[in-house]
Amino acid sequence: MITQTLIDALPDATLIIDEHGSVSCLNQAAAKLLGFPASQITGKKINFLFSARDGEPLKTTAADQTPIEVMARRQNGESFPVRLSCKAVADSSPLCYVLSVRSADLLNELQPRALQMTRLAVMADMAACIAHELNQPLSAIANYAQALKWILDSPTPDVAEVNESLSEITTQAIRAAEIARRLRALIQKGESQREPTTLDEVINEIKVLLATEARLKSVRVVVDLAPGLPPVEVDRIQIQQVILSLIRNAVEALGESPREQREIKLTTTLRNDGNVEMCVADTGPGVDAALQSRLFEGGLGLPMSKTIVEAHDGALVYKPNEPRGACFSFHLPAAKGR
C-alpha cells in the first residue's frame, strides 16, 4: 500500500492516480512544481493538469509506460513542458499508478552535464587501457631512437638504416598523437554537432579504443559491417560514446567466461523500416530475466546511452543473444534525403 509518507519521501514530483485517471494523492514536490495546493489537485482528472503539446486534451492512458513530453499548467495559468512516466503499482487493488513528473526545461539543462559525466566515467574506466595503448608507440619511438643513436655512432653510418629509423619514429609518433586526439575529442565538452555520416566512419574512428580494453581482457572482437548503408545524421562523439559504453559493458560481462569463449560481435544492418541498426552481442552469461525490465534505470551508462539514442530519434533495446549472451542494439533513422 502506498502511503502519503512514502510518496513524500520521493525526490521527483509524484502523483498517484486511479484506474480512471483521477489523482488520489501527490507529494509536496508535485504540489510545488505545479503550483497548486494538494487539496486542489486531489480528485481531479490528469487532464486538469496536463495536455498534449498542441493544446489538445491528453490522450495517454494511465497504462502507458513510455515517458512522454506534455504540457503542464500551474495555478496561475502558466504552461510549461514536462516529461511524464507512468507505472502500475504491482498487486494494487483497486488498480493504481505512479505518475512521475520531471520538468523538461530542467532535463534539458542537466542533460549536457550528465552526458559529460557519463563520458568521463567511460574514459576513467578505460584510462589504464589507454595508457597501455599509448605505451606501445612511445616504447617503439624510444627503441628506434636508441637504434638510430647506435647507427650514427658507428664509423660508417648506413643512410638507409637512418632513414628507416626516422620513418618508423614518425609513424609511431603519428599513431600516439592520433590515439591522444581521439581520446581528447571524446572527453571534451561541447555543443551537440550533428552531421551526415555512416556508422562505418563512426566505428573506424574509435577502432583503437574499441580494441584496447578487449585485448587486455583477452576478448576477441569481430566487426561485421554491412556495405553500402545510408548515412545517419548524428553527433558522432555522442554515438561513439554509446558504442564504447556498450563494448565496455560487454567486456565486463565476459570477465568470468573461459578465455576461448570471450567474443564480442559488432554488426550493422539496414532494417525494413529504412533505419540503420547496430548490434553489440557478447557470448557471456546474458542478463537475468528478473533484471531485464530495469536495465535502463539508475546509473549512468545504459540510461544515458538510451537518452542519447532517443535524442537522435532512435531506440536502444536489449534481447538475449543466441545461443548465449546478451545483445544490445540501437537503430537510427537514415539522414533525410538519403
Protein backbone atom coordinates (compact mmCIF):
# COMPACT_ATOMS: atom_id res chain seq x y z
CA MET A 1 0.00 0.00 0.00
CA ILE A 2 1.29 3.45 -0.93
CA THR A 3 1.18 5.93 1.93
CA GLN A 4 1.48 9.70 1.90
CA THR A 5 4.70 9.42 3.90
CA LEU A 6 6.17 7.13 1.26
CA ILE A 7 5.48 9.37 -1.74
CA ASP A 8 6.57 12.48 0.20
CA ALA A 9 9.97 10.79 0.56
CA LEU A 10 10.35 10.52 -3.24
CA PRO A 11 12.60 13.22 -4.76
CA ASP A 12 10.64 13.51 -8.01
CA ALA A 13 7.24 15.15 -8.33
CA THR A 14 4.91 12.16 -7.94
CA LEU A 15 1.16 11.65 -8.19
CA ILE A 16 -0.85 8.50 -7.51
CA ILE A 17 -3.73 8.08 -9.94
CA ASP A 18 -6.50 5.53 -10.05
CA GLU A 19 -7.58 3.40 -13.00
CA HIS A 20 -9.91 6.18 -14.17
CA GLY A 21 -7.12 8.77 -14.34
CA SER A 22 -8.08 10.69 -11.19
CA VAL A 23 -5.44 11.89 -8.73
CA SER A 24 -5.61 10.03 -5.42
CA CYS A 25 -2.71 11.79 -3.73
CA LEU A 26 0.53 13.60 -4.53
CA ASN A 27 3.72 14.59 -2.79
CA GLN A 28 4.98 18.04 -1.86
CA ALA A 29 7.41 18.06 -4.78
CA ALA A 30 4.47 17.72 -7.19
CA ALA A 31 2.44 20.42 -5.45
CA LYS A 32 5.46 22.76 -5.60
CA LEU A 33 6.21 22.03 -9.26
CA LEU A 34 2.60 22.55 -10.33
CA GLY A 35 1.96 25.49 -8.00
CA PHE A 36 -1.31 24.06 -6.65
CA PRO A 37 -2.20 23.19 -3.08
CA ALA A 38 -2.54 19.41 -2.85
CA SER A 39 -6.21 19.82 -1.87
CA GLN A 40 -6.99 21.44 -5.25
CA ILE A 41 -5.42 18.57 -7.21
CA THR A 42 -6.67 15.54 -5.31
CA GLY A 43 -9.68 14.03 -7.05
CA LYS A 44 -9.07 15.86 -10.33
CA LYS A 45 -8.50 14.09 -13.65
CA ILE A 46 -4.96 14.31 -15.03
CA ASN A 47 -6.32 16.35 -17.97
CA PHE A 48 -6.89 19.09 -15.41
CA LEU A 49 -3.10 19.35 -15.05
CA PHE A 50 -1.63 18.08 -18.32
CA SER A 51 -2.33 18.48 -22.02
CA ALA A 52 -0.65 17.48 -25.26
CA ARG A 53 1.90 19.90 -26.68
CA ASP A 54 -0.60 21.09 -29.30
CA GLY A 55 -3.03 22.06 -26.55
CA GLU A 56 -5.37 19.11 -27.16
CA PRO A 57 -6.54 17.02 -24.17
CA LEU A 58 -4.03 14.42 -23.08
CA LYS A 59 -4.78 11.20 -24.95
CA THR A 60 -2.45 8.97 -22.96
CA THR A 61 -3.91 6.45 -20.56
CA ALA A 62 -2.69 5.53 -17.13
CA ALA A 63 -1.39 2.26 -18.52
CA ASP A 64 1.17 3.95 -20.77
CA GLN A 65 4.72 3.02 -19.75
CA THR A 66 6.84 5.08 -22.18
CA PRO A 67 7.87 8.54 -20.93
CA ILE A 68 6.16 11.27 -22.92
CA GLU A 69 6.60 15.03 -23.10
CA VAL A 70 3.46 17.06 -22.46
CA MET A 71 2.48 20.50 -21.20
CA ALA A 72 1.64 21.05 -17.55
CA ARG A 73 -0.24 24.02 -16.15
CA ARG A 74 0.27 25.87 -12.93
CA GLN A 75 -2.42 27.50 -10.81
CA ASN A 76 -1.57 30.90 -12.32
CA GLY A 77 -2.35 29.55 -15.81
CA GLU A 78 1.28 29.29 -16.90
CA SER A 79 2.11 26.29 -19.12
CA PHE A 80 5.48 24.56 -19.17
CA PRO A 81 6.89 21.32 -20.68
CA VAL A 82 7.28 18.22 -18.52
CA ARG A 83 8.08 14.55 -19.03
CA LEU A 84 5.62 12.02 -17.62
CA SER A 85 6.48 8.44 -16.66
CA CYS A 86 3.70 6.11 -15.53
CA LYS A 87 3.96 2.66 -13.94
CA ALA A 88 1.32 0.41 -12.50
CA VAL A 89 1.59 -0.47 -8.81
CA ALA A 90 2.02 -4.24 -8.66
CA ASP A 91 -0.82 -6.15 -6.96
CA SER A 92 -2.72 -2.96 -6.16
CA SER A 93 -6.46 -3.35 -5.62
CA PRO A 94 -8.12 -1.32 -6.91
CA LEU A 95 -5.55 -0.76 -9.61
CA CYS A 96 -3.50 2.43 -9.30
CA TYR A 97 -0.50 4.00 -10.98
CA VAL A 98 2.54 6.07 -10.02
CA LEU A 99 2.93 9.14 -12.23
CA SER A 100 6.38 10.77 -12.10
CA VAL A 101 6.74 14.32 -13.42
CA ARG A 102 10.00 15.98 -14.40
CA SER A 103 10.43 19.47 -15.80
CA ALA A 104 11.60 19.16 -19.41
CA ASP A 105 13.41 22.51 -19.08
CA LEU A 106 15.38 21.15 -16.13
CA LEU A 107 16.15 17.94 -18.02
CA ASN A 108 17.43 19.95 -20.96
CA GLU A 109 19.68 21.93 -18.63
CA LEU A 110 21.03 18.82 -16.90
CA GLN A 111 21.45 16.60 -19.96
CA PRO A 112 24.73 18.16 -21.24
CA ARG A 113 26.20 17.83 -17.74
CA ALA A 114 25.01 14.24 -17.47
CA LEU A 115 26.46 13.47 -20.90
CA GLN A 116 29.80 14.86 -19.78
CA MET A 117 29.71 12.82 -16.55
CA THR A 118 28.98 9.65 -18.49
CA ARG A 119 31.70 10.39 -20.99
CA LEU A 120 34.23 10.93 -18.21
CA ALA A 121 33.08 7.77 -16.43
CA VAL A 122 33.67 5.73 -19.59
CA MET A 123 37.09 7.28 -20.08
CA ALA A 124 38.05 6.81 -16.42
CA ASP A 125 37.30 3.10 -16.68
CA MET A 126 39.44 2.89 -19.82
CA ALA A 127 42.33 5.02 -18.51
CA ALA A 128 44.64 2.09 -17.78
CA CYS A 129 43.87 0.58 -21.16
CA ILE A 130 44.58 3.83 -22.97
CA ALA A 131 47.87 4.21 -21.09
CA HIS A 132 48.81 0.72 -22.22
CA GLU A 133 47.87 1.54 -25.82
CA LEU A 134 49.94 4.75 -25.78
CA ASN A 135 52.85 2.92 -24.22
CA GLN A 136 53.31 0.80 -27.36
CA PRO A 137 54.11 3.61 -29.83
CA LEU A 138 56.08 5.53 -27.18
CA SER A 139 58.21 2.46 -26.42
CA ALA A 140 58.72 1.92 -30.15
CA ILE A 141 59.87 5.53 -30.54
CA ALA A 142 62.37 5.08 -27.69
CA ASN A 143 63.71 1.85 -29.22
CA TYR A 144 64.08 3.32 -32.72
CA ALA A 145 65.74 6.45 -31.28
CA GLN A 146 68.25 4.28 -29.41
CA ALA A 147 68.91 2.25 -32.55
CA LEU A 148 69.37 5.48 -34.50
CA LYS A 149 71.97 6.66 -31.97
CA TRP A 150 73.92 3.42 -32.39
CA ILE A 151 73.82 3.78 -36.17
CA LEU A 152 75.02 7.39 -36.06
CA ASP A 153 77.78 6.49 -33.57
CA SER A 154 79.18 3.88 -35.94
CA PRO A 155 82.23 4.79 -38.06
CA THR A 156 80.23 4.50 -41.30
CA PRO A 157 76.51 5.20 -40.62
CA ASP A 158 74.16 3.47 -43.03
CA VAL A 159 71.98 6.22 -44.52
CA ALA A 160 69.24 3.72 -45.46
CA GLU A 161 69.03 2.49 -41.87
CA VAL A 162 68.94 6.08 -40.60
CA ASN A 163 66.07 6.91 -42.93
CA GLU A 164 64.22 3.74 -41.94
CA SER A 165 64.52 4.52 -38.23
CA LEU A 166 63.40 8.12 -38.75
CA SER A 167 60.42 6.91 -40.79
CA GLU A 168 59.40 4.45 -38.04
CA ILE A 169 59.74 7.15 -35.36
CA THR A 170 57.47 9.44 -37.41
CA THR A 171 54.90 6.65 -37.92
CA GLN A 172 54.77 5.79 -34.22
CA ALA A 173 54.59 9.46 -33.20
CA ILE A 174 51.62 9.98 -35.53
CA ARG A 175 49.96 6.87 -34.08
CA ALA A 176 50.39 8.14 -30.49
CA ALA A 177 49.10 11.59 -31.45
CA GLU A 178 46.03 10.04 -33.13
CA ILE A 179 45.21 7.99 -30.03
CA ALA A 180 45.51 11.12 -27.87
CA ARG A 181 43.43 13.20 -30.32
CA ARG A 182 40.54 10.73 -30.35
CA LEU A 183 40.60 10.37 -26.59
CA ARG A 184 40.60 14.16 -26.18
CA ALA A 185 37.67 14.50 -28.60
CA LEU A 186 35.61 12.04 -26.56
CA ILE A 187 36.34 13.81 -23.28
CA GLN A 188 35.93 17.40 -24.40
CA LYS A 189 32.67 19.09 -23.58
CA GLY A 190 30.94 20.94 -26.39
CA GLU A 191 27.70 21.68 -28.11
CA SER A 192 25.99 18.85 -29.93
CA GLN A 193 27.02 18.90 -33.59
CA ARG A 194 25.14 16.64 -35.97
CA GLU A 195 26.22 15.83 -39.47
CA PRO A 196 25.52 13.08 -42.00
CA THR A 197 27.98 10.22 -41.54
CA THR A 198 27.97 6.45 -41.85
CA LEU A 199 28.23 4.13 -38.88
CA ASP A 200 31.31 2.66 -40.59
CA GLU A 201 33.06 6.03 -40.24
CA VAL A 202 31.90 6.41 -36.64
CA ILE A 203 33.29 2.98 -35.72
CA ASN A 204 36.52 3.27 -37.70
CA GLU A 205 37.45 6.45 -35.81
CA ILE A 206 37.44 4.59 -32.48
CA LYS A 207 38.75 1.18 -33.54
CA VAL A 208 41.88 1.64 -31.46
CA LEU A 209 39.87 2.48 -28.36
CA LEU A 210 37.46 -0.39 -29.03
CA ALA A 211 40.26 -2.92 -29.30
CA THR A 212 42.32 -1.73 -26.35
CA GLU A 213 40.33 -2.99 -23.39
CA ALA A 214 39.21 -6.07 -25.30
CA ARG A 215 42.82 -7.04 -25.99
CA LEU A 216 43.85 -6.63 -22.36
CA LYS A 217 40.94 -8.80 -21.22
CA SER A 218 41.60 -11.45 -23.89
CA VAL A 219 38.32 -10.73 -25.66
CA ARG A 220 38.02 -11.33 -29.40
CA VAL A 221 36.17 -8.55 -31.26
CA VAL A 222 34.54 -9.36 -34.60
CA VAL A 223 33.39 -6.42 -36.73
CA ASP A 224 30.88 -7.21 -39.48
CA LEU A 225 29.67 -4.00 -41.13
CA ALA A 226 27.13 -4.23 -43.94
CA PRO A 227 28.32 -2.44 -47.09
CA GLY A 228 26.50 0.49 -48.66
CA LEU A 229 24.44 1.56 -45.67
CA PRO A 230 22.93 5.06 -45.89
CA PRO A 231 24.40 7.78 -43.68
CA VAL A 232 22.75 8.84 -40.43
CA GLU A 233 22.63 12.40 -39.12
CA VAL A 234 24.28 12.22 -35.71
CA ASP A 235 26.61 13.82 -33.23
CA ARG A 236 29.38 11.30 -33.86
CA ILE A 237 31.08 11.88 -30.49
CA GLN A 238 27.86 11.03 -28.64
CA ILE A 239 27.23 7.90 -30.74
CA GLN A 240 30.85 6.84 -30.24
CA GLN A 241 30.27 7.27 -26.53
CA VAL A 242 27.29 4.89 -26.75
CA ILE A 243 29.32 2.30 -28.67
CA LEU A 244 32.25 2.49 -26.24
CA SER A 245 29.89 2.12 -23.29
CA LEU A 246 28.20 -0.95 -24.80
CA ILE A 247 31.61 -2.50 -25.59
CA ARG A 248 32.83 -1.84 -22.05
CA ASN A 249 29.72 -3.49 -20.59
CA ALA A 250 30.20 -6.50 -22.87
CA VAL A 251 33.86 -6.87 -21.87
CA GLU A 252 32.88 -6.79 -18.19
CA ALA A 253 30.16 -9.39 -18.79
CA LEU A 254 32.76 -11.75 -20.29
CA GLY A 255 35.09 -11.48 -17.29
CA GLU A 256 34.12 -14.86 -15.82
CA SER A 257 33.82 -16.72 -19.14
CA PRO A 258 36.54 -19.12 -20.36
CA ARG A 259 39.09 -17.25 -22.49
CA GLU A 260 38.32 -19.24 -25.62
CA GLN A 261 34.63 -18.24 -25.38
CA ARG A 262 35.14 -14.49 -24.94
CA GLU A 263 33.81 -12.86 -28.07
CA ILE A 264 32.05 -9.61 -28.94
CA LYS A 265 30.49 -9.13 -32.35
CA LEU A 266 29.61 -5.73 -33.83
CA THR A 267 27.23 -5.81 -36.77
CA THR A 268 25.38 -3.20 -38.80
CA THR A 269 22.30 -3.80 -40.93
CA LEU A 270 19.58 -1.92 -42.78
CA ARG A 271 16.16 -2.52 -41.23
CA ASN A 272 12.95 -2.95 -43.18
CA ASP A 273 11.78 0.47 -41.99
CA GLY A 274 14.86 2.13 -43.51
CA ASN A 275 16.61 2.70 -40.20
CA VAL A 276 20.25 1.74 -39.75
CA GLU A 277 20.85 -0.69 -36.88
CA MET A 278 23.97 -1.62 -34.94
CA CYS A 279 24.18 -4.62 -32.61
CA VAL A 280 26.76 -5.33 -29.91
CA ALA A 281 26.48 -9.01 -28.98
CA ASP A 282 28.60 -10.95 -26.50
CA THR A 283 28.93 -14.60 -25.52
CA GLY A 284 28.72 -14.02 -21.77
CA PRO A 285 26.06 -15.19 -19.30
CA GLY A 286 23.40 -12.76 -20.55
CA VAL A 287 21.08 -10.67 -18.38
CA ASP A 288 18.94 -12.34 -15.73
CA ALA A 289 15.26 -12.24 -16.68
CA ALA A 290 14.39 -10.53 -13.39
CA LEU A 291 16.72 -7.62 -14.22
CA GLN A 292 15.79 -7.06 -17.85
CA SER A 293 12.90 -4.70 -17.08
CA ARG A 294 15.23 -2.47 -15.02
CA LEU A 295 18.26 -2.40 -17.33
CA PHE A 296 17.77 1.23 -18.29
CA GLU A 297 17.00 2.54 -14.80
CA GLY A 298 19.56 4.10 -12.48
CA GLY A 299 23.28 4.54 -13.00
CA LEU A 300 24.80 6.43 -15.90
CA GLY A 301 25.91 4.04 -18.65
CA LEU A 302 22.85 2.36 -20.15
CA PRO A 303 20.30 5.04 -19.17
CA MET A 304 22.42 7.79 -20.68
CA SER A 305 23.13 5.70 -23.80
CA LYS A 306 19.37 5.26 -24.18
CA THR A 307 18.86 9.01 -23.75
CA ILE A 308 21.47 9.79 -26.42
CA VAL A 309 19.98 7.36 -28.93
CA GLU A 310 16.41 8.56 -28.30
CA ALA A 311 17.57 12.18 -28.71
CA HIS A 312 18.66 11.10 -32.20
CA ASP A 313 15.11 9.78 -32.87
CA GLY A 314 16.27 6.19 -32.45
CA ALA A 315 15.86 3.42 -29.89
CA LEU A 316 18.18 1.25 -27.78
CA VAL A 317 16.92 -2.21 -26.83
CA TYR A 318 18.11 -5.45 -25.27
CA LYS A 319 17.50 -9.03 -26.31
CA PRO A 320 19.20 -12.31 -25.42
CA ASN A 321 21.95 -13.36 -27.80
CA GLU A 322 21.84 -16.78 -29.42
CA PRO A 323 22.99 -19.32 -28.38
CA ARG A 324 24.14 -17.43 -25.27
CA GLY A 325 24.98 -13.96 -24.05
CA ALA A 326 23.48 -10.50 -24.40
CA CYS A 327 22.75 -8.32 -27.41
CA PHE A 328 22.21 -4.56 -27.21
CA SER A 329 21.15 -2.90 -30.42
CA PHE A 330 20.28 0.63 -31.39
CA HIS A 331 18.79 1.93 -34.61
CA LEU A 332 18.85 5.40 -36.09
CA PRO A 333 16.91 6.95 -38.98
CA ALA A 334 18.77 7.48 -42.23
CA ALA A 335 19.73 11.08 -42.93
CA LYS A 336 16.98 12.97 -44.73
CA GLY A 337 17.21 12.94 -48.48
CA ARG A 338 19.43 9.88 -48.47
